[in-house]
Amino acid sequence: MSISNAPSFDSFRLEKCADGLLPVVVQDAVTLRVLMLGYMNRAAYEKTVAEGRITFFSRTRQCLWTKGETSGHWLLVENLYVDCDADTLLIQATPIGPTCHRGTTACFDTPSEQGFVRSLAALIAQRKKEMPEGSYTTRLFIKGVKAIAKKVGEECTEAVIEAVDGNRSRFTYEAGDLLYHLLVLLEQTGVSLEELERELELRHRPTKHS
C-alpha cells in the first residue's frame, strides 16, 4: 500500500542531522503511545512510502531494515507528520505484535495504561463491525441508539449520585460505566474521539474578545 500524500524526501531539511539521516518517531495510531525512534535515509523513506510498512536505516549495520521482516511484527503506516523545522518525522502506525526486541509493546517503558480509552474505542468499533454473538456491546448495538442513550443517562445519574455522596471508589466505578456507554453511543452515531477533541479545542482557542 503506497502512501499517496507523503512529502518528497528532498523537502526535509537535514543539514543539521547526523549523517543526513531523518529521525523518525513512531506512535501507535490508536493509543498514541510512542513506540520507538529510528532513522531513515532516502532509500528507507521511499521504501516506507512505497510499501506502507516502516523501513529504517540501521546506523550500526549501515543497511536498510524493515521492521518485522524476520519477526513478522510489522509497523503499518497510517499517517505521516513533519515537524515545524522539517527535520523530524512522526509516523502513526498500526503495530502487528510487539514493537521492541524485548517483546514489549514499546521501546519506551511508559505506563501500559496510556491511551486505553482510545484502545477501548477501537475495540468498540471492531465489535460494531463484527457483531460477535454473546458480546454485551453487540447487544447494545442491536437495540439501537435510543437504548444506548438511555443507558448513558442511567449511568450518568448513578455517577452523579456517588459523586454527591462523596463515595470516591463507587464514583470511579460508575464513571467508568458512563464512559464506556458514551463510547458506544459515539460509535453508534458515527462521532469519533478526534471530532470531540477538535470541538473542545475550538472552544478553548483564544478569541478577539478573550
Protein backbone atom coordinates (compact mmCIF):
# COMPACT_ATOMS: atom_id res chain seq x y z
CA MET A 1 0.00 0.00 0.00
CA SER A 2 1.74 3.17 -1.15
CA ILE A 3 1.19 6.49 0.63
CA SER A 4 -0.03 8.99 -1.93
CA ASN A 5 0.17 12.17 0.16
CA ALA A 6 3.69 11.64 1.55
CA PRO A 7 6.13 14.56 1.08
CA SER A 8 9.23 14.01 -1.01
CA PHE A 9 12.46 13.23 0.81
CA ASP A 10 14.00 16.38 -0.68
CA SER A 11 11.52 18.51 1.28
CA PHE A 12 13.20 17.58 4.58
CA ARG A 13 15.88 19.91 5.95
CA LEU A 14 18.55 17.53 7.17
CA GLU A 15 21.59 19.83 7.17
CA LYS A 16 21.93 19.62 10.97
CA CYS A 17 21.00 15.93 11.27
CA ALA A 18 23.77 13.43 11.95
CA ASP A 19 24.91 11.74 8.73
CA GLY A 20 21.97 13.34 6.94
CA LEU A 21 19.61 10.78 8.45
CA LEU A 22 16.00 11.65 9.21
CA PRO A 23 14.92 10.96 12.84
CA VAL A 24 11.57 9.14 12.89
CA VAL A 25 9.30 8.88 15.93
CA VAL A 26 6.78 6.04 15.66
CA GLN A 27 3.49 6.37 17.52
CA ASP A 28 0.61 3.91 17.86
CA ALA A 29 -2.18 5.32 15.68
CA VAL A 30 -4.88 4.25 18.15
CA THR A 31 -3.43 4.68 21.64
CA LEU A 32 -0.97 7.46 20.65
CA ARG A 33 1.71 5.70 22.71
CA VAL A 34 5.24 6.40 21.46
CA LEU A 35 6.61 3.06 20.27
CA MET A 36 10.17 3.72 19.12
CA LEU A 37 12.67 6.03 17.49
CA GLY A 38 14.50 5.15 14.29
CA TYR A 39 16.30 6.78 11.37
CA MET A 40 15.76 6.86 7.63
CA ASN A 41 17.88 7.72 4.64
CA ARG A 42 16.32 8.39 1.25
CA ALA A 43 16.08 4.70 0.33
CA ALA A 44 14.43 3.75 3.64
CA TYR A 45 11.94 6.60 3.40
CA GLU A 46 10.99 5.87 -0.20
CA LYS A 47 10.62 2.14 0.56
CA THR A 48 8.35 3.01 3.51
CA VAL A 49 6.20 5.26 1.34
CA ALA A 50 6.01 2.71 -1.47
CA GLU A 51 5.12 -0.29 0.71
CA GLY A 52 3.21 1.26 3.63
CA ARG A 53 5.42 -0.64 6.10
CA ILE A 54 8.14 1.15 8.03
CA THR A 55 11.71 0.60 6.87
CA PHE A 56 14.63 2.16 8.75
CA PHE A 57 18.31 2.65 8.06
CA SER A 58 20.45 0.81 10.60
CA ARG A 59 23.29 3.04 11.78
CA THR A 60 25.04 0.01 13.25
CA ARG A 61 24.88 -2.28 10.21
CA GLN A 62 24.77 0.54 7.65
CA CYS A 63 21.91 -1.03 5.73
CA LEU A 64 18.13 -0.92 5.36
CA TRP A 65 15.94 -2.98 7.68
CA THR A 66 12.17 -3.31 7.50
CA LYS A 67 10.63 -3.63 10.95
CA GLY A 68 9.11 -7.11 11.14
CA GLU A 69 10.96 -8.69 8.23
CA THR A 70 12.20 -11.52 10.48
CA SER A 71 9.68 -11.41 13.38
CA GLY A 72 6.53 -10.58 11.43
CA HIS A 73 5.96 -7.66 13.81
CA TRP A 74 5.37 -5.03 11.12
CA LEU A 75 4.65 -1.36 11.64
CA LEU A 76 1.93 -0.40 9.15
CA VAL A 77 1.84 3.28 8.27
CA GLU A 78 -1.40 5.17 8.96
CA ASN A 79 -0.34 8.83 8.97
CA LEU A 80 2.79 10.93 8.39
CA TYR A 81 3.51 14.27 10.09
CA VAL A 82 6.53 16.52 9.50
CA ASP A 83 7.66 18.74 12.37
CA CYS A 84 7.86 22.55 12.17
CA ASP A 85 11.56 22.54 11.21
CA ALA A 86 11.10 19.80 8.61
CA ASP A 87 13.92 17.79 10.18
CA THR A 88 11.94 15.13 12.07
CA LEU A 89 9.13 12.79 11.02
CA LEU A 90 6.28 11.44 13.13
CA ILE A 91 4.67 8.26 11.82
CA GLN A 92 1.43 7.00 13.31
CA ALA A 93 1.35 3.27 12.71
CA THR A 94 -0.56 0.11 13.45
CA PRO A 95 1.84 -2.32 15.16
CA ILE A 96 1.48 -6.00 14.34
CA GLY A 97 2.74 -7.57 17.52
CA PRO A 98 5.23 -6.04 19.99
CA THR A 99 7.47 -3.27 18.69
CA CYS A 100 10.52 -3.73 20.92
CA HIS A 101 13.02 -6.59 20.52
CA ARG A 102 12.40 -7.34 24.22
CA GLY A 103 8.88 -8.44 23.32
CA THR A 104 7.29 -5.35 24.87
CA THR A 105 4.71 -3.09 23.27
CA ALA A 106 7.14 -0.18 23.02
CA CYS A 107 10.82 0.59 23.40
CA PHE A 108 9.92 3.22 26.00
CA ASP A 109 8.67 1.91 29.33
CA THR A 110 5.76 4.30 29.67
CA PRO A 111 2.67 3.08 31.58
CA SER A 112 0.78 0.37 29.69
CA GLU A 113 -2.49 2.15 30.52
CA GLN A 114 -1.53 5.10 28.34
CA GLY A 115 -4.15 5.65 25.70
CA PHE A 116 -6.51 2.91 26.95
CA VAL A 117 -9.61 4.98 26.20
CA ARG A 118 -8.62 5.03 22.54
CA SER A 119 -7.94 1.30 22.63
CA LEU A 120 -11.39 0.76 24.11
CA ALA A 121 -12.95 2.97 21.43
CA ALA A 122 -11.17 0.92 18.75
CA LEU A 123 -12.42 -2.33 20.32
CA ILE A 124 -15.99 -0.99 20.39
CA ALA A 125 -15.67 -0.05 16.70
CA GLN A 126 -14.48 -3.59 15.97
CA ARG A 127 -17.45 -5.03 17.86
CA LYS A 128 -19.83 -2.95 15.74
CA LYS A 129 -18.15 -4.17 12.58
CA GLU A 130 -18.06 -7.85 13.51
CA MET A 131 -21.09 -8.07 15.87
CA PRO A 132 -19.84 -11.21 17.69
CA GLU A 133 -22.50 -13.29 19.44
CA GLY A 134 -22.57 -13.16 23.22
CA SER A 135 -21.00 -9.70 23.40
CA TYR A 136 -22.72 -7.12 25.61
CA THR A 137 -21.55 -4.41 23.20
CA THR A 138 -23.16 -6.30 20.32
CA ARG A 139 -26.45 -6.44 22.21
CA LEU A 140 -26.33 -2.69 22.73
CA PHE A 141 -25.78 -2.06 19.02
CA ILE A 142 -28.68 -4.37 18.13
CA LYS A 143 -31.01 -2.45 20.48
CA GLY A 144 -30.12 0.82 18.77
CA VAL A 145 -29.40 4.43 19.60
CA LYS A 146 -32.39 5.01 21.91
CA ALA A 147 -31.49 2.10 24.18
CA ILE A 148 -27.81 3.12 24.23
CA ALA A 149 -28.72 6.73 25.01
CA LYS A 150 -30.96 5.54 27.84
CA LYS A 151 -28.04 3.57 29.34
CA VAL A 152 -25.83 6.67 29.13
CA GLY A 153 -28.49 8.60 31.06
CA GLU A 154 -28.78 5.88 33.69
CA GLU A 155 -25.02 5.62 34.17
CA CYS A 156 -24.74 9.41 34.34
CA THR A 157 -27.33 9.55 37.12
CA GLU A 158 -25.56 6.80 39.07
CA ALA A 159 -22.20 8.55 38.71
CA VAL A 160 -23.70 11.87 39.90
CA ILE A 161 -25.26 10.21 42.95
CA GLU A 162 -21.95 8.66 44.01
CA ALA A 163 -20.10 11.96 43.42
CA VAL A 164 -22.57 13.90 45.56
CA ASP A 165 -22.36 11.24 48.28
CA GLY A 166 -18.58 11.57 48.27
CA ASN A 167 -18.07 7.87 47.56
CA ARG A 168 -14.85 8.05 45.54
CA SER A 169 -14.48 4.35 44.71
CA ARG A 170 -18.12 3.97 43.66
CA PHE A 171 -17.95 7.17 41.66
CA THR A 172 -14.87 5.88 39.82
CA TYR A 173 -16.70 2.63 39.04
CA GLU A 174 -19.85 4.37 37.80
CA ALA A 175 -17.83 6.93 35.82
CA GLY A 176 -16.14 4.01 34.06
CA ASP A 177 -19.55 2.61 33.12
CA LEU A 178 -20.62 6.04 31.92
CA LEU A 179 -17.54 6.48 29.75
CA TYR A 180 -17.90 3.02 28.22
CA HIS A 181 -21.56 3.56 27.29
CA LEU A 182 -20.78 7.02 25.96
CA LEU A 183 -18.11 5.50 23.69
CA VAL A 184 -20.71 3.00 22.43
CA LEU A 185 -23.12 5.88 21.76
CA LEU A 186 -20.41 7.80 19.91
CA GLU A 187 -19.71 4.79 17.72
CA GLN A 188 -23.42 4.24 17.05
CA THR A 189 -23.86 7.87 15.98
CA GLY A 190 -20.65 7.99 13.95
CA VAL A 191 -18.87 10.57 16.10
CA SER A 192 -15.16 9.92 16.77
CA LEU A 193 -12.97 10.90 19.70
CA GLU A 194 -10.98 13.03 17.28
CA GLU A 195 -14.11 15.04 16.49
CA LEU A 196 -14.74 15.59 20.19
CA GLU A 197 -11.15 16.73 20.65
CA ARG A 198 -11.49 19.21 17.76
CA GLU A 199 -14.74 20.54 19.25
CA LEU A 200 -13.14 21.07 22.65
CA GLU A 201 -10.06 22.62 21.08
CA LEU A 202 -12.19 25.10 19.16
CA ARG A 203 -13.96 26.11 22.37
CA HIS A 204 -10.69 26.79 24.15
CA ARG A 205 -8.92 28.75 21.42
CA PRO A 206 -8.33 32.42 22.26
CA THR A 207 -10.79 34.80 20.60
CA LYS A 208 -10.62 38.51 19.88
CA HIS A 209 -12.70 39.18 23.00
CA SER A 210 -10.92 36.82 25.42
